[in-house]
Amino acid sequence: LGYVDFLSLVRGAALVLTDSGGVQEETTMLGVPCLTIRPNTERP
C-alpha cells in the first residue's frame, strides 16, 4: 500500500504484527499495540 493508505490501515487496526523497523516507531506514535517478531530491535 501507499504511505497514506498503509498508515490509515494501521491507525484503524487493533494490533500490528511486524518485523519492520519503521512500523515499530509509527505504531508507538499512533498508540496501536505492536508485536515485533524478532529477538532484538535497533529501536529499543
PDB file of all heavy atoms in Angstrom:
ATOM      1  N   LEU A   1       0.827  -1.196   0.000  1.00  0.00           N
ATOM      2  CA  LEU A   1       0.000   0.000   0.000  1.00  0.00           C
ATOM      3  C   LEU A   1       0.865   1.251   0.000  1.00  0.00           C
ATOM      4  O   LEU A   1       2.013   1.227   0.461  1.00  0.00           O
ATOM      5  CB  LEU A   1      -0.908   0.021   1.235  1.00  0.00           C
ATOM      6  CG  LEU A   1      -1.903  -1.133   1.363  1.00  0.00           C
ATOM      7  CD1 LEU A   1      -2.580  -1.086   2.739  1.00  0.00           C
ATOM      8  CD2 LEU A   1      -2.944  -1.077   0.255  1.00  0.00           C
ATOM      9  N   GLY A   2       0.313   2.349  -0.491  1.00  0.00           N
ATOM     10  CA  GLY A   2       0.994   3.626  -0.409  1.00  0.00           C
ATOM     11  C   GLY A   2       1.118   4.079   1.038  1.00  0.00           C
ATOM     12  O   GLY A   2       0.534   3.487   1.957  1.00  0.00           O
ATOM     13  N   TYR A   3       1.858   5.139   1.242  1.00  0.00           N
ATOM     14  CA  TYR A   3       2.152   5.620   2.594  1.00  0.00           C
ATOM     15  C   TYR A   3       0.877   5.976   3.356  1.00  0.00           C
ATOM     16  O   TYR A   3       0.646   5.486   4.470  1.00  0.00           O
ATOM     17  CB  TYR A   3       3.076   6.836   2.508  1.00  0.00           C
ATOM     18  CG  TYR A   3       3.424   7.443   3.838  1.00  0.00           C
ATOM     19  CD1 TYR A   3       4.233   6.772   4.743  1.00  0.00           C
ATOM     20  CD2 TYR A   3       2.941   8.705   4.195  1.00  0.00           C
ATOM     21  CE1 TYR A   3       4.560   7.326   5.976  1.00  0.00           C
ATOM     22  CE2 TYR A   3       3.266   9.279   5.412  1.00  0.00           C
ATOM     23  CZ  TYR A   3       4.068   8.577   6.302  1.00  0.00           C
ATOM     24  OH  TYR A   3       4.380   9.143   7.515  1.00  0.00           O
ATOM     25  N   VAL A   4       0.037   6.805   2.785  1.00  0.00           N
ATOM     26  CA  VAL A   4      -1.176   7.250   3.474  1.00  0.00           C
ATOM     27  C   VAL A   4      -2.130   6.083   3.680  1.00  0.00           C
ATOM     28  O   VAL A   4      -2.705   5.914   4.770  1.00  0.00           O
ATOM     29  CB  VAL A   4      -1.848   8.393   2.697  1.00  0.00           C
ATOM     30  CG1 VAL A   4      -3.226   8.710   3.269  1.00  0.00           C
ATOM     31  CG2 VAL A   4      -0.968   9.646   2.729  1.00  0.00           C
ATOM     32  N   ASP A   5      -2.310   5.245   2.663  1.00  0.00           N
ATOM     33  CA  ASP A   5      -3.218   4.101   2.793  1.00  0.00           C
ATOM     34  C   ASP A   5      -2.740   3.124   3.858  1.00  0.00           C
ATOM     35  O   ASP A   5      -3.529   2.614   4.663  1.00  0.00           O
ATOM     36  CB  ASP A   5      -3.358   3.369   1.458  1.00  0.00           C
ATOM     37  CG  ASP A   5      -4.306   4.067   0.500  1.00  0.00           C
ATOM     38  OD1 ASP A   5      -4.963   5.038   0.928  1.00  0.00           O
ATOM     39  OD2 ASP A   5      -4.385   3.646  -0.666  1.00  0.00           O
ATOM     40  N   PHE A   6      -1.427   2.864   3.895  1.00  0.00           N
ATOM     41  CA  PHE A   6      -0.911   1.906   4.872  1.00  0.00           C
ATOM     42  C   PHE A   6      -1.087   2.439   6.287  1.00  0.00           C
ATOM     43  O   PHE A   6      -1.570   1.716   7.183  1.00  0.00           O
ATOM     44  CB  PHE A   6       0.561   1.602   4.604  1.00  0.00           C
ATOM     45  CG  PHE A   6       1.169   0.704   5.649  1.00  0.00           C
ATOM     46  CD1 PHE A   6       0.839  -0.645   5.699  1.00  0.00           C
ATOM     47  CD2 PHE A   6       2.050   1.209   6.599  1.00  0.00           C
ATOM     48  CE1 PHE A   6       1.376  -1.476   6.674  1.00  0.00           C
ATOM     49  CE2 PHE A   6       2.594   0.387   7.574  1.00  0.00           C
ATOM     50  CZ  PHE A   6       2.249  -0.956   7.612  1.00  0.00           C
ATOM     51  N   LEU A   7      -0.705   3.688   6.527  1.00  0.00           N
ATOM     52  CA  LEU A   7      -0.837   4.223   7.877  1.00  0.00           C
ATOM     53  C   LEU A   7      -2.302   4.391   8.280  1.00  0.00           C
ATOM     54  O   LEU A   7      -2.641   4.267   9.463  1.00  0.00           O
ATOM     55  CB  LEU A   7      -0.100   5.549   7.997  1.00  0.00           C
ATOM     56  CG  LEU A   7       1.421   5.445   8.106  1.00  0.00           C
ATOM     57  CD1 LEU A   7       2.039   6.821   8.312  1.00  0.00           C
ATOM     58  CD2 LEU A   7       1.838   4.533   9.252  1.00  0.00           C
ATOM     59  N   SER A   8      -3.165   4.640   7.322  1.00  0.00           N
ATOM     60  CA  SER A   8      -4.598   4.680   7.630  1.00  0.00           C
ATOM     61  C   SER A   8      -5.073   3.312   8.096  1.00  0.00           C
ATOM     62  O   SER A   8      -5.833   3.196   9.073  1.00  0.00           O
ATOM     63  CB  SER A   8      -5.400   5.120   6.397  1.00  0.00           C
ATOM     64  OG  SER A   8      -5.086   6.449   6.028  1.00  0.00           O
ATOM     65  N   LEU A   9      -4.610   2.272   7.401  1.00  0.00           N
ATOM     66  CA  LEU A   9      -4.967   0.911   7.787  1.00  0.00           C
ATOM     67  C   LEU A   9      -4.443   0.596   9.188  1.00  0.00           C
ATOM     68  O   LEU A   9      -5.154   0.016  10.017  1.00  0.00           O
ATOM     69  CB  LEU A   9      -4.393  -0.081   6.767  1.00  0.00           C
ATOM     70  CG  LEU A   9      -4.822  -1.541   6.899  1.00  0.00           C
ATOM     71  CD1 LEU A   9      -6.302  -1.703   6.574  1.00  0.00           C
ATOM     72  CD2 LEU A   9      -3.967  -2.422   5.985  1.00  0.00           C
ATOM     73  N   VAL A  10      -3.208   0.984   9.452  1.00  0.00           N
ATOM     74  CA  VAL A  10      -2.604   0.752  10.778  1.00  0.00           C
ATOM     75  C   VAL A  10      -3.348   1.531  11.851  1.00  0.00           C
ATOM     76  O   VAL A  10      -3.610   1.014  12.947  1.00  0.00           O
ATOM     77  CB  VAL A  10      -1.113   1.134  10.756  1.00  0.00           C
ATOM     78  CG1 VAL A  10      -0.549   1.198  12.179  1.00  0.00           C
ATOM     79  CG2 VAL A  10      -0.327   0.137   9.919  1.00  0.00           C
ATOM     80  N   ARG A  11      -3.714   2.760  11.559  1.00  0.00           N
ATOM     81  CA  ARG A  11      -4.397   3.590  12.559  1.00  0.00           C
ATOM     82  C   ARG A  11      -5.695   2.951  13.030  1.00  0.00           C
ATOM     83  O   ARG A  11      -6.087   3.093  14.192  1.00  0.00           O
ATOM     84  CB  ARG A  11      -4.669   4.979  11.985  1.00  0.00           C
ATOM     85  CG  ARG A  11      -5.120   5.989  13.019  1.00  0.00           C
ATOM     86  CD  ARG A  11      -5.332   7.370  12.417  1.00  0.00           C
ATOM     87  NE  ARG A  11      -5.364   8.397  13.450  1.00  0.00           N
ATOM     88  CZ  ARG A  11      -5.528   9.690  13.219  1.00  0.00           C
ATOM     89  NH1 ARG A  11      -5.672  10.128  11.958  1.00  0.00           N
ATOM     90  NH2 ARG A  11      -5.556  10.559  14.213  1.00  0.00           N
ATOM     91  N   GLY A  12      -6.363   2.231  12.139  1.00  0.00           N
ATOM     92  CA  GLY A  12      -7.629   1.605  12.499  1.00  0.00           C
ATOM     93  C   GLY A  12      -7.497   0.182  13.019  1.00  0.00           C
ATOM     94  O   GLY A  12      -8.501  -0.457  13.352  1.00  0.00           O
ATOM     95  N   ALA A  13      -6.267  -0.331  13.116  1.00  0.00           N
ATOM     96  CA  ALA A  13      -6.055  -1.729  13.498  1.00  0.00           C
ATOM     97  C   ALA A  13      -6.116  -1.925  15.011  1.00  0.00           C
ATOM     98  O   ALA A  13      -5.801  -1.019  15.787  1.00  0.00           O
ATOM     99  CB  ALA A  13      -4.708  -2.216  12.970  1.00  0.00           C
ATOM    100  N   ALA A  14      -6.516  -3.127  15.406  1.00  0.00           N
ATOM    101  CA  ALA A  14      -6.482  -3.495  16.819  1.00  0.00           C
ATOM    102  C   ALA A  14      -5.098  -3.956  17.229  1.00  0.00           C
ATOM    103  O   ALA A  14      -4.754  -3.949  18.415  1.00  0.00           O
ATOM    104  CB  ALA A  14      -7.495  -4.609  17.086  1.00  0.00           C
ATOM    105  N   LEU A  15      -4.283  -4.322  16.230  1.00  0.00           N
ATOM    106  CA  LEU A  15      -2.994  -4.937  16.511  1.00  0.00           C
ATOM    107  C   LEU A  15      -2.144  -4.917  15.250  1.00  0.00           C
ATOM    108  O   LEU A  15      -2.675  -5.043  14.142  1.00  0.00           O
ATOM    109  CB  LEU A  15      -3.210  -6.387  16.960  1.00  0.00           C
ATOM    110  CG  LEU A  15      -2.006  -7.276  17.241  1.00  0.00           C
ATOM    111  CD1 LEU A  15      -1.226  -6.748  18.436  1.00  0.00           C
ATOM    112  CD2 LEU A  15      -2.458  -8.706  17.480  1.00  0.00           C
ATOM    113  N   VAL A  16      -0.831  -4.773  15.413  1.00  0.00           N
ATOM    114  CA  VAL A  16       0.105  -4.878  14.297  1.00  0.00           C
ATOM    115  C   VAL A  16       1.132  -5.955  14.608  1.00  0.00           C
ATOM    116  O   VAL A  16       1.669  -6.017  15.719  1.00  0.00           O
ATOM    117  CB  VAL A  16       0.806  -3.536  14.023  1.00  0.00           C
ATOM    118  CG1 VAL A  16       1.965  -3.712  13.049  1.00  0.00           C
ATOM    119  CG2 VAL A  16      -0.189  -2.523  13.460  1.00  0.00           C
ATOM    120  N   LEU A  17       1.391  -6.816  13.625  1.00  0.00           N
ATOM    121  CA  LEU A  17       2.436  -7.839  13.696  1.00  0.00           C
ATOM    122  C   LEU A  17       3.492  -7.444  12.679  1.00  0.00           C
ATOM    123  O   LEU A  17       3.166  -7.227  11.510  1.00  0.00           O
ATOM    124  CB  LEU A  17       1.884  -9.224  13.330  1.00  0.00           C
ATOM    125  CG  LEU A  17       0.452  -9.557  13.731  1.00  0.00           C
ATOM    126  CD1 LEU A  17       0.012 -10.853  13.076  1.00  0.00           C
ATOM    127  CD2 LEU A  17       0.354  -9.658  15.244  1.00  0.00           C
ATOM    128  N   THR A  18       4.746  -7.352  13.085  1.00  0.00           N
ATOM    129  CA  THR A  18       5.739  -6.833  12.142  1.00  0.00           C
ATOM    130  C   THR A  18       7.122  -7.370  12.423  1.00  0.00           C
ATOM    131  O   THR A  18       7.408  -7.853  13.525  1.00  0.00           O
ATOM    132  CB  THR A  18       5.773  -5.282  12.213  1.00  0.00           C
ATOM    133  OG1 THR A  18       6.545  -4.770  11.144  1.00  0.00           O
ATOM    134  CG2 THR A  18       6.354  -4.797  13.524  1.00  0.00           C
ATOM    135  N   ASP A  19       7.978  -7.306  11.408  1.00  0.00           N
ATOM    136  CA  ASP A  19       9.416  -7.460  11.624  1.00  0.00           C
ATOM    137  C   ASP A  19      10.147  -6.248  11.047  1.00  0.00           C
ATOM    138  O   ASP A  19      11.350  -6.264  10.842  1.00  0.00           O
ATOM    139  CB  ASP A  19       9.944  -8.772  11.034  1.00  0.00           C
ATOM    140  CG  ASP A  19       9.651  -8.952   9.554  1.00  0.00           C
ATOM    141  OD1 ASP A  19       9.261  -7.963   8.893  1.00  0.00           O
ATOM    142  OD2 ASP A  19       9.811 -10.077   9.045  1.00  0.00           O
ATOM    143  N   SER A  20       9.385  -5.184  10.783  1.00  0.00           N
ATOM    144  CA  SER A  20       9.931  -3.956  10.220  1.00  0.00           C
ATOM    145  C   SER A  20      10.415  -3.034  11.319  1.00  0.00           C
ATOM    146  O   SER A  20       9.930  -3.079  12.453  1.00  0.00           O
ATOM    147  CB  SER A  20       8.851  -3.254   9.392  1.00  0.00           C
ATOM    148  OG  SER A  20       9.231  -1.935   9.071  1.00  0.00           O
ATOM    149  N   GLY A  21      11.355  -2.152  10.980  1.00  0.00           N
ATOM    150  CA  GLY A  21      11.846  -1.176  11.942  1.00  0.00           C
ATOM    151  C   GLY A  21      10.934   0.026  12.074  1.00  0.00           C
ATOM    152  O   GLY A  21      10.490   0.373  13.159  1.00  0.00           O
ATOM    153  N   GLY A  22      10.627   0.661  10.930  1.00  0.00           N
ATOM    154  CA  GLY A  22       9.845   1.892  10.969  1.00  0.00           C
ATOM    155  C   GLY A  22       8.455   1.711  11.533  1.00  0.00           C
ATOM    156  O   GLY A  22       7.933   2.606  12.216  1.00  0.00           O
ATOM    157  N   VAL A  23       7.833   0.578  11.289  1.00  0.00           N
ATOM    158  CA  VAL A  23       6.474   0.337  11.788  1.00  0.00           C
ATOM    159  C   VAL A  23       6.452   0.369  13.319  1.00  0.00           C
ATOM    160  O   VAL A  23       5.478   0.811  13.923  1.00  0.00           O
ATOM    161  CB  VAL A  23       5.931  -0.996  11.251  1.00  0.00           C
ATOM    162  CG1 VAL A  23       4.579  -1.338  11.887  1.00  0.00           C
ATOM    163  CG2 VAL A  23       5.774  -0.932   9.731  1.00  0.00           C
ATOM    164  N   GLN A  24       7.535  -0.076  13.951  1.00  0.00           N
ATOM    165  CA  GLN A  24       7.613  -0.020  15.415  1.00  0.00           C
ATOM    166  C   GLN A  24       7.486   1.428  15.897  1.00  0.00           C
ATOM    167  O   GLN A  24       6.847   1.704  16.918  1.00  0.00           O
ATOM    168  CB  GLN A  24       8.934  -0.604  15.897  1.00  0.00           C
ATOM    169  CG  GLN A  24       9.153  -2.063  15.529  1.00  0.00           C
ATOM    170  CD  GLN A  24      10.584  -2.504  15.840  1.00  0.00           C
ATOM    171  OE1 GLN A  24      11.109  -2.231  16.910  1.00  0.00           O
ATOM    172  NE2 GLN A  24      11.217  -3.173  14.884  1.00  0.00           N
ATOM    173  N   GLU A  25       8.102   2.351  15.155  1.00  0.00           N
ATOM    174  CA  GLU A  25       8.056   3.763  15.527  1.00  0.00           C
ATOM    175  C   GLU A  25       6.678   4.353  15.246  1.00  0.00           C
ATOM    176  O   GLU A  25       6.143   5.118  16.052  1.00  0.00           O
ATOM    177  CB  GLU A  25       9.132   4.528  14.764  1.00  0.00           C
ATOM    178  CG  GLU A  25      10.538   4.075  15.111  1.00  0.00           C
ATOM    179  CD  GLU A  25      11.600   4.688  14.232  1.00  0.00           C
ATOM    180  OE1 GLU A  25      11.306   5.065  13.084  1.00  0.00           O
ATOM    181  OE2 GLU A  25      12.751   4.789  14.707  1.00  0.00           O
ATOM    182  N   GLU A  26       6.110   4.008  14.106  1.00  0.00           N
ATOM    183  CA  GLU A  26       4.810   4.579  13.737  1.00  0.00           C
ATOM    184  C   GLU A  26       3.706   4.116  14.681  1.00  0.00           C
ATOM    185  O   GLU A  26       2.845   4.912  15.075  1.00  0.00           O
ATOM    186  CB  GLU A  26       4.504   4.215  12.285  1.00  0.00           C
ATOM    187  CG  GLU A  26       5.416   4.962  11.307  1.00  0.00           C
ATOM    188  CD  GLU A  26       5.501   4.330   9.930  1.00  0.00           C
ATOM    189  OE1 GLU A  26       5.163   3.127   9.783  1.00  0.00           O
ATOM    190  OE2 GLU A  26       5.921   5.024   8.983  1.00  0.00           O
ATOM    191  N   THR A  27       3.722   2.837  15.065  1.00  0.00           N
ATOM    192  CA  THR A  27       2.703   2.359  15.997  1.00  0.00           C
ATOM    193  C   THR A  27       2.889   2.971  17.384  1.00  0.00           C
ATOM    194  O   THR A  27       1.908   3.206  18.097  1.00  0.00           O
ATOM    195  CB  THR A  27       2.726   0.821  16.103  1.00  0.00           C
ATOM    196  OG1 THR A  27       4.064   0.376  16.382  1.00  0.00           O
ATOM    197  CG2 THR A  27       2.231   0.175  14.829  1.00  0.00           C
ATOM    198  N   THR A  28       4.135   3.247  17.760  1.00  0.00           N
ATOM    199  CA  THR A  28       4.387   3.919  19.033  1.00  0.00           C
ATOM    200  C   THR A  28       3.661   5.259  19.076  1.00  0.00           C
ATOM    201  O   THR A  28       3.023   5.606  20.071  1.00  0.00           O
ATOM    202  CB  THR A  28       5.900   4.119  19.241  1.00  0.00           C
ATOM    203  OG1 THR A  28       6.478   2.874  19.636  1.00  0.00           O
ATOM    204  CG2 THR A  28       6.200   5.162  20.301  1.00  0.00           C
ATOM    205  N   MET A  29       3.740   6.016  17.997  1.00  0.00           N
ATOM    206  CA  MET A  29       3.120   7.337  17.967  1.00  0.00           C
ATOM    207  C   MET A  29       1.608   7.268  17.769  1.00  0.00           C
ATOM    208  O   MET A  29       0.876   8.134  18.222  1.00  0.00           O
ATOM    209  CB  MET A  29       3.753   8.188  16.874  1.00  0.00           C
ATOM    210  CG  MET A  29       5.249   8.427  17.076  1.00  0.00           C
ATOM    211  SD  MET A  29       5.671   9.103  18.699  1.00  0.00           S
ATOM    212  CE  MET A  29       4.947  10.733  18.601  1.00  0.00           C
ATOM    213  N   LEU A  30       1.120   6.218  17.095  1.00  0.00           N
ATOM    214  CA  LEU A  30      -0.318   6.082  16.855  1.00  0.00           C
ATOM    215  C   LEU A  30      -1.035   5.384  18.005  1.00  0.00           C
ATOM    216  O   LEU A  30      -2.262   5.341  18.033  1.00  0.00           O
ATOM    217  CB  LEU A  30      -0.567   5.314  15.547  1.00  0.00           C
ATOM    218  CG  LEU A  30      -0.182   6.047  14.259  1.00  0.00           C
ATOM    219  CD1 LEU A  30      -0.299   5.106  13.054  1.00  0.00           C
ATOM    220  CD2 LEU A  30      -1.060   7.281  14.050  1.00  0.00           C
ATOM    221  N   GLY A  31      -0.282   4.803  18.946  1.00  0.00           N
ATOM    222  CA  GLY A  31      -0.894   4.128  20.075  1.00  0.00           C
ATOM    223  C   GLY A  31      -1.504   2.787  19.728  1.00  0.00           C
ATOM    224  O   GLY A  31      -2.417   2.318  20.408  1.00  0.00           O
ATOM    225  N   VAL A  32      -1.001   2.140  18.682  1.00  0.00           N
ATOM    226  CA  VAL A  32      -1.519   0.833  18.258  1.00  0.00           C
ATOM    227  C   VAL A  32      -0.606  -0.258  18.816  1.00  0.00           C
ATOM    228  O   VAL A  32       0.617  -0.185  18.630  1.00  0.00           O
ATOM    229  CB  VAL A  32      -1.573   0.736  16.719  1.00  0.00           C
ATOM    230  CG1 VAL A  32      -2.050  -0.645  16.275  1.00  0.00           C
ATOM    231  CG2 VAL A  32      -2.486   1.817  16.156  1.00  0.00           C
ATOM    232  N   PRO A  33      -1.144  -1.283  19.497  1.00  0.00           N
ATOM    233  CA  PRO A  33      -0.295  -2.367  20.004  1.00  0.00           C
ATOM    234  C   PRO A  33       0.507  -3.007  18.877  1.00  0.00           C
ATOM    235  O   PRO A  33      -0.046  -3.318  17.819  1.00  0.00           O
ATOM    236  CB  PRO A  33      -1.296  -3.355  20.602  1.00  0.00           C
ATOM    237  CG  PRO A  33      -2.526  -2.563  20.858  1.00  0.00           C
ATOM    238  CD  PRO A  33      -2.570  -1.503  19.804  1.00  0.00           C
ATOM    239  N   CYS A  34       1.799  -3.200  19.111  1.00  0.00           N
ATOM    240  CA  CYS A  34       2.692  -3.743  18.084  1.00  0.00           C
ATOM    241  C   CYS A  34       3.467  -4.909  18.658  1.00  0.00           C
ATOM    242  O   CYS A  34       4.086  -4.799  19.721  1.00  0.00           O
ATOM    243  CB  CYS A  34       3.659  -2.648  17.620  1.00  0.00           C
ATOM    244  SG  CYS A  34       4.852  -3.184  16.374  1.00  0.00           S
ATOM    245  N   LEU A  35       3.438  -6.038  17.962  1.00  0.00           N
ATOM    246  CA  LEU A  35       4.221  -7.208  18.320  1.00  0.00           C
ATOM    247  C   LEU A  35       5.286  -7.391  17.251  1.00  0.00           C
ATOM    248  O   LEU A  35       4.967  -7.650  16.084  1.00  0.00           O
ATOM    249  CB  LEU A  35       3.332  -8.444  18.419  1.00  0.00           C
ATOM    250  CG  LEU A  35       2.227  -8.359  19.485  1.00  0.00           C
ATOM    251  CD1 LEU A  35       1.338  -9.602  19.426  1.00  0.00           C
ATOM    252  CD2 LEU A  35       2.808  -8.178  20.873  1.00  0.00           C
ATOM    253  N   THR A  36       6.541  -7.207  17.630  1.00  0.00           N
ATOM    254  CA  THR A  36       7.648  -7.304  16.688  1.00  0.00           C
ATOM    255  C   THR A  36       8.251  -8.696  16.769  1.00  0.00           C
ATOM    256  O   THR A  36       8.759  -9.102  17.821  1.00  0.00           O
ATOM    257  CB  THR A  36       8.709  -6.231  17.002  1.00  0.00           C
ATOM    258  OG1 THR A  36       8.117  -4.940  16.831  1.00  0.00           O
ATOM    259  CG2 THR A  36       9.896  -6.354  16.078  1.00  0.00           C
ATOM    260  N   ILE A  37       8.202  -9.404  15.643  1.00  0.00           N
ATOM    261  CA  ILE A  37       8.600 -10.816  15.615  1.00  0.00           C
ATOM    262  C   ILE A  37      10.093 -10.892  15.323  1.00  0.00           C
ATOM    263  O   ILE A  37      10.541 -11.253  14.231  1.00  0.00           O
ATOM    264  CB  ILE A  37       7.769 -11.590  14.570  1.00  0.00           C
ATOM    265  CG1 ILE A  37       6.290 -11.221  14.698  1.00  0.00           C
ATOM    266  CG2 ILE A  37       7.940 -13.112  14.756  1.00  0.00           C
ATOM    267  CD1 ILE A  37       5.454 -11.574  13.497  1.00  0.00           C
ATOM    268  N   ARG A  38      10.865 -10.524  16.307  1.00  0.00           N
ATOM    269  CA  ARG A  38      12.321 -10.521  16.215  1.00  0.00           C
ATOM    270  C   ARG A  38      12.902 -10.708  17.615  1.00  0.00           C
ATOM    271  O   ARG A  38      12.252 -10.330  18.600  1.00  0.00           O
ATOM    272  CB  ARG A  38      12.819  -9.179  15.644  1.00  0.00           C
ATOM    273  CG  ARG A  38      12.559  -8.992  14.159  1.00  0.00           C
ATOM    274  CD  ARG A  38      12.893  -7.584  13.693  1.00  0.00           C
ATOM    275  NE  ARG A  38      14.188  -7.120  14.157  1.00  0.00           N
ATOM    276  CZ  ARG A  38      14.645  -5.873  13.983  1.00  0.00           C
ATOM    277  NH1 ARG A  38      13.891  -4.983  13.348  1.00  0.00           N
ATOM    278  NH2 ARG A  38      15.832  -5.532  14.421  1.00  0.00           N
ATOM    279  N   PRO A  39      14.114 -11.235  17.714  1.00  0.00           N
ATOM    280  CA  PRO A  39      14.728 -11.393  19.031  1.00  0.00           C
ATOM    281  C   PRO A  39      15.336 -10.095  19.557  1.00  0.00           C
ATOM    282  O   PRO A  39      15.726 -10.025  20.719  1.00  0.00           O
ATOM    283  CB  PRO A  39      15.817 -12.443  18.790  1.00  0.00           C
ATOM    284  CG  PRO A  39      16.192 -12.268  17.356  1.00  0.00           C
ATOM    285  CD  PRO A  39      14.915 -11.890  16.651  1.00  0.00           C
ATOM    286  N   ASN A  40      15.439  -9.069  18.703  1.00  0.00           N
ATOM    287  CA  ASN A  40      16.071  -7.820  19.094  1.00  0.00           C
ATOM    288  C   ASN A  40      15.490  -6.691  18.264  1.00  0.00           C
ATOM    289  O   ASN A  40      14.788  -6.919  17.277  1.00  0.00           O
ATOM    290  CB  ASN A  40      17.591  -7.900  18.887  1.00  0.00           C
ATOM    291  CG  ASN A  40      17.948  -8.402  17.494  1.00  0.00           C
ATOM    292  OD1 ASN A  40      17.518  -7.845  16.487  1.00  0.00           O
ATOM    293  ND2 ASN A  40      18.734  -9.476  17.423  1.00  0.00           N
ATOM    294  N   THR A  41      15.793  -5.475  18.670  1.00  0.00           N
ATOM    295  CA  THR A  41      15.394  -4.315  17.878  1.00  0.00           C
ATOM    296  C   THR A  41      16.446  -3.233  18.001  1.00  0.00           C
ATOM    297  O   THR A  41      17.035  -3.049  19.081  1.00  0.00           O
ATOM    298  CB  THR A  41      14.026  -3.753  18.309  1.00  0.00           C
ATOM    299  OG1 THR A  41      13.725  -2.592  17.516  1.00  0.00           O
ATOM    300  CG2 THR A  41      13.996  -3.372  19.781  1.00  0.00           C
ATOM    301  N   GLU A  42      16.722  -2.558  16.902  1.00  0.00           N
ATOM    302  CA  GLU A  42      17.616  -1.408  16.915  1.00  0.00           C
ATOM    303  C   GLU A  42      16.869  -0.151  17.374  1.00  0.00           C
ATOM    304  O   GLU A  42      17.450   0.928  17.449  1.00  0.00           O
ATOM    305  CB  GLU A  42      18.228  -1.188  15.523  1.00  0.00           C
ATOM    306  CG  GLU A  42      17.249  -0.830  14.432  1.00  0.00           C
ATOM    307  CD  GLU A  42      16.438  -2.018  13.946  1.00  0.00           C
ATOM    308  OE1 GLU A  42      16.755  -3.176  14.302  1.00  0.00           O
ATOM    309  OE2 GLU A  42      15.462  -1.780  13.186  1.00  0.00           O
ATOM    310  N   ARG A  43      15.587  -0.322  17.723  1.00  0.00           N
ATOM    311  CA  ARG A  43      14.760   0.797  18.176  1.00  0.00           C
ATOM    312  C   ARG A  43      14.171   0.488  19.559  1.00  0.00           C
ATOM    313  O   ARG A  43      12.945   0.417  19.730  1.00  0.00           O
ATOM    314  CB  ARG A  43      13.639   1.059  17.160  1.00  0.00           C
ATOM    315  CG  ARG A  43      14.157   1.562  15.805  1.00  0.00           C
ATOM    316  CD  ARG A  43      13.082   1.470  14.752  1.00  0.00           C
ATOM    317  NE  ARG A  43      13.443   2.188  13.545  1.00  0.00           N
ATOM    318  CZ  ARG A  43      14.185   1.674  12.556  1.00  0.00           C
ATOM    319  NH1 ARG A  43      14.649   0.431  12.647  1.00  0.00           N
ATOM    320  NH2 ARG A  43      14.465   2.389  11.484  1.00  0.00           N
ATOM    321  N   PRO A  44      15.023   0.288  20.569  1.00  0.00           N
ATOM    322  CA  PRO A  44      14.503  -0.078  21.901  1.00  0.00           C
ATOM    323  C   PRO A  44      13.617   0.985  22.515  1.00  0.00           C
ATOM    324  O   PRO A  44      12.812   0.690  23.399  1.00  0.00           O
ATOM    325  CB  PRO A  44      15.784  -0.300  22.729  1.00  0.00           C
ATOM    326  CG  PRO A  44      16.837   0.495  22.030  1.00  0.00           C
ATOM    327  CD  PRO A  44      16.495   0.391  20.570  1.00  0.00           C
TER     328      PRO A  44
END
